[in-house]
């Protein structure tokens, strides 16, 4: 499996876990945007965004384009 496919797989797993957490506990915007250290959503948003941007950059590189 390519690195891009691995990243997409991990992103889908993260989404699944997020949805499960949301259904069980609900998600307060504060916990999503500025979670306390140790909260299940701590670093979620940044980690997901970093992976998404890496996938976008890889896709652009494959096509010889750029997002600039």
N, C-alpha and C. Protein backbone atom coordinates (compact mmCIF):
# COMPACT_ATOMS: atom_id res chain seq x y z
N UNK A 1 0.85 -1.17 0.00
CA UNK A 1 0.00 0.00 0.00
C UNK A 1 0.90 1.24 0.00
N UNK A 2 0.53 2.22 -0.81
CA UNK A 2 1.33 3.44 -0.90
C UNK A 2 1.17 4.28 0.37
N UNK A 3 2.09 5.22 0.54
CA UNK A 3 2.02 6.10 1.71
C UNK A 3 0.72 6.90 1.70
N UNK A 4 0.32 7.36 0.51
CA UNK A 4 -0.93 8.12 0.40
C UNK A 4 -2.12 7.26 0.83
N UNK A 5 -2.16 6.02 0.39
CA UNK A 5 -3.24 5.12 0.77
C UNK A 5 -3.23 4.85 2.28
N UNK A 6 -2.04 4.71 2.85
CA UNK A 6 -1.93 4.50 4.30
C UNK A 6 -2.47 5.70 5.07
N UNK A 7 -2.13 6.91 4.60
CA UNK A 7 -2.62 8.12 5.26
C UNK A 7 -4.14 8.21 5.17
N UNK A 8 -4.68 7.91 4.01
CA UNK A 8 -6.13 7.95 3.84
C UNK A 8 -6.80 6.92 4.74
N UNK A 9 -6.21 5.74 4.83
CA UNK A 9 -6.75 4.70 5.71
C UNK A 9 -6.76 5.18 7.16
N UNK A 10 -5.65 5.79 7.59
CA UNK A 10 -5.57 6.28 8.97
C UNK A 10 -6.58 7.40 9.21
N UNK A 11 -6.76 8.28 8.22
CA UNK A 11 -7.73 9.36 8.35
C UNK A 11 -9.15 8.80 8.50
N UNK A 12 -9.48 7.78 7.73
CA UNK A 12 -10.80 7.15 7.83
C UNK A 12 -10.99 6.50 9.20
N UNK A 13 -9.94 5.87 9.72
CA UNK A 13 -10.02 5.28 11.06
C UNK A 13 -10.22 6.37 12.11
N UNK A 14 -9.53 7.49 11.96
CA UNK A 14 -9.69 8.61 12.90
C UNK A 14 -11.13 9.14 12.85
N UNK A 15 -11.68 9.26 11.63
CA UNK A 15 -13.05 9.75 11.50
C UNK A 15 -14.03 8.80 12.18
N UNK A 16 -13.81 7.50 12.00
CA UNK A 16 -14.68 6.50 12.62
C UNK A 16 -14.65 6.63 14.15
N UNK A 17 -13.44 6.76 14.71
CA UNK A 17 -13.31 6.90 16.15
C UNK A 17 -13.94 8.20 16.64
N UNK A 18 -13.79 9.27 15.87
CA UNK A 18 -14.39 10.55 16.24
C UNK A 18 -15.91 10.42 16.29
N UNK A 19 -16.49 9.80 15.27
CA UNK A 19 -17.94 9.63 15.21
C UNK A 19 -18.43 8.78 16.37
N UNK A 20 -17.71 7.71 16.69
CA UNK A 20 -18.07 6.87 17.83
C UNK A 20 -18.03 7.68 19.13
N UNK A 21 -16.97 8.47 19.30
CA UNK A 21 -16.85 9.31 20.49
C UNK A 21 -18.01 10.30 20.55
N UNK A 22 -18.30 10.93 19.42
CA UNK A 22 -19.37 11.91 19.37
C UNK A 22 -20.72 11.28 19.73
N UNK A 23 -20.99 10.10 19.23
CA UNK A 23 -22.26 9.44 19.54
C UNK A 23 -22.36 9.06 21.01
N UNK A 24 -21.25 8.69 21.61
CA UNK A 24 -21.25 8.29 23.02
C UNK A 24 -21.28 9.48 23.98
N UNK A 25 -20.52 10.53 23.66
CA UNK A 25 -20.31 11.62 24.61
C UNK A 25 -20.80 12.98 24.13
N UNK A 26 -21.04 13.10 22.84
CA UNK A 26 -21.29 14.42 22.28
C UNK A 26 -19.96 15.16 22.19
N UNK A 27 -19.91 16.21 21.41
CA UNK A 27 -18.66 16.96 21.28
C UNK A 27 -18.95 18.44 21.51
N UNK A 28 -18.37 18.95 22.56
CA UNK A 28 -18.44 20.36 22.86
C UNK A 28 -17.41 21.05 21.95
N UNK A 29 -17.77 22.14 21.29
CA UNK A 29 -16.81 22.83 20.43
C UNK A 29 -15.48 23.12 21.13
N UNK A 30 -15.54 23.45 22.42
CA UNK A 30 -14.31 23.71 23.17
C UNK A 30 -13.40 22.49 23.15
N UNK A 31 -13.98 21.31 23.31
CA UNK A 31 -13.19 20.08 23.32
C UNK A 31 -12.62 19.75 21.95
N UNK A 32 -13.27 20.23 20.91
CA UNK A 32 -12.78 19.99 19.55
C UNK A 32 -11.66 20.98 19.19
N UNK A 33 -11.89 22.26 19.49
CA UNK A 33 -10.93 23.29 19.09
C UNK A 33 -9.80 23.51 20.07
N UNK A 34 -10.06 23.42 21.36
CA UNK A 34 -9.03 23.62 22.38
C UNK A 34 -9.20 22.60 23.52
N UNK A 35 -8.99 21.33 23.21
CA UNK A 35 -9.16 20.32 24.25
C UNK A 35 -8.06 20.42 25.30
N UNK A 36 -8.43 20.03 26.51
CA UNK A 36 -7.43 19.99 27.57
C UNK A 36 -6.47 18.85 27.31
N UNK A 37 -5.27 18.96 27.85
CA UNK A 37 -4.27 17.91 27.70
C UNK A 37 -4.83 16.59 28.22
N UNK A 38 -4.67 15.54 27.46
CA UNK A 38 -5.14 14.22 27.86
C UNK A 38 -6.55 13.91 27.40
N UNK A 39 -7.27 14.91 26.90
CA UNK A 39 -8.63 14.68 26.39
C UNK A 39 -8.53 13.80 25.14
N UNK A 40 -9.52 12.92 24.91
CA UNK A 40 -9.48 12.05 23.73
C UNK A 40 -9.32 12.80 22.40
N UNK A 41 -9.74 14.06 22.35
CA UNK A 41 -9.59 14.83 21.11
C UNK A 41 -8.34 15.71 21.09
N UNK A 42 -7.51 15.61 22.13
CA UNK A 42 -6.26 16.36 22.19
C UNK A 42 -5.42 16.00 20.96
N UNK A 43 -5.03 16.98 20.18
CA UNK A 43 -4.20 16.84 18.97
C UNK A 43 -4.95 16.27 17.76
N UNK A 44 -6.21 15.86 17.91
CA UNK A 44 -6.96 15.26 16.81
C UNK A 44 -7.00 16.18 15.60
N UNK A 45 -7.47 17.40 15.81
CA UNK A 45 -7.68 18.33 14.70
C UNK A 45 -6.38 18.62 13.96
N UNK A 46 -5.30 18.89 14.68
CA UNK A 46 -4.02 19.19 14.04
C UNK A 46 -3.46 17.98 13.31
N UNK A 47 -3.51 16.82 13.94
CA UNK A 47 -3.00 15.60 13.33
C UNK A 47 -3.76 15.28 12.04
N UNK A 48 -5.08 15.40 12.10
CA UNK A 48 -5.90 15.11 10.92
C UNK A 48 -5.59 16.11 9.80
N UNK A 49 -5.50 17.39 10.13
CA UNK A 49 -5.21 18.41 9.13
C UNK A 49 -3.83 18.19 8.50
N UNK A 50 -2.84 17.85 9.31
CA UNK A 50 -1.50 17.59 8.79
C UNK A 50 -1.52 16.43 7.78
N UNK A 51 -2.23 15.36 8.13
CA UNK A 51 -2.33 14.23 7.20
C UNK A 51 -3.07 14.62 5.93
N UNK A 52 -4.16 15.36 6.07
CA UNK A 52 -4.94 15.78 4.91
C UNK A 52 -4.10 16.64 3.96
N UNK A 53 -3.33 17.56 4.51
CA UNK A 53 -2.50 18.42 3.67
C UNK A 53 -1.39 17.62 2.98
N UNK A 54 -0.88 16.61 3.68
CA UNK A 54 0.14 15.76 3.08
C UNK A 54 -0.45 14.98 1.90
N UNK A 55 -1.67 14.48 2.07
CA UNK A 55 -2.35 13.76 0.98
C UNK A 55 -2.58 14.71 -0.20
N UNK A 56 -3.01 15.93 0.08
CA UNK A 56 -3.22 16.92 -0.99
C UNK A 56 -1.90 17.19 -1.72
N UNK A 57 -0.82 17.39 -0.99
CA UNK A 57 0.48 17.64 -1.61
C UNK A 57 0.92 16.46 -2.46
N UNK A 58 0.70 15.24 -1.97
CA UNK A 58 1.07 14.04 -2.74
C UNK A 58 0.25 13.96 -4.03
N UNK A 59 -1.03 14.26 -3.94
CA UNK A 59 -1.89 14.23 -5.13
C UNK A 59 -1.43 15.26 -6.16
N UNK A 60 -1.08 16.45 -5.68
CA UNK A 60 -0.57 17.48 -6.60
C UNK A 60 0.74 17.02 -7.25
N UNK A 61 1.62 16.43 -6.46
CA UNK A 61 2.90 15.96 -6.99
C UNK A 61 2.68 14.90 -8.07
N UNK A 62 1.71 14.03 -7.85
CA UNK A 62 1.41 12.98 -8.85
C UNK A 62 0.97 13.59 -10.17
N UNK A 63 0.26 14.71 -10.09
CA UNK A 63 -0.29 15.35 -11.30
C UNK A 63 0.59 16.49 -11.82
N UNK A 64 1.65 16.79 -11.10
CA UNK A 64 2.53 17.86 -11.55
C UNK A 64 1.93 19.25 -11.37
N UNK A 65 1.05 19.39 -10.40
CA UNK A 65 0.43 20.68 -10.13
C UNK A 65 0.83 21.12 -8.72
N UNK A 66 0.29 22.26 -8.29
CA UNK A 66 0.55 22.72 -6.93
C UNK A 66 -0.70 23.39 -6.39
N UNK A 67 -0.77 23.54 -5.09
CA UNK A 67 -1.94 24.19 -4.50
C UNK A 67 -1.71 25.68 -4.32
N UNK A 68 -0.61 26.19 -4.79
CA UNK A 68 -0.33 27.63 -4.69
C UNK A 68 -0.94 28.36 -5.83
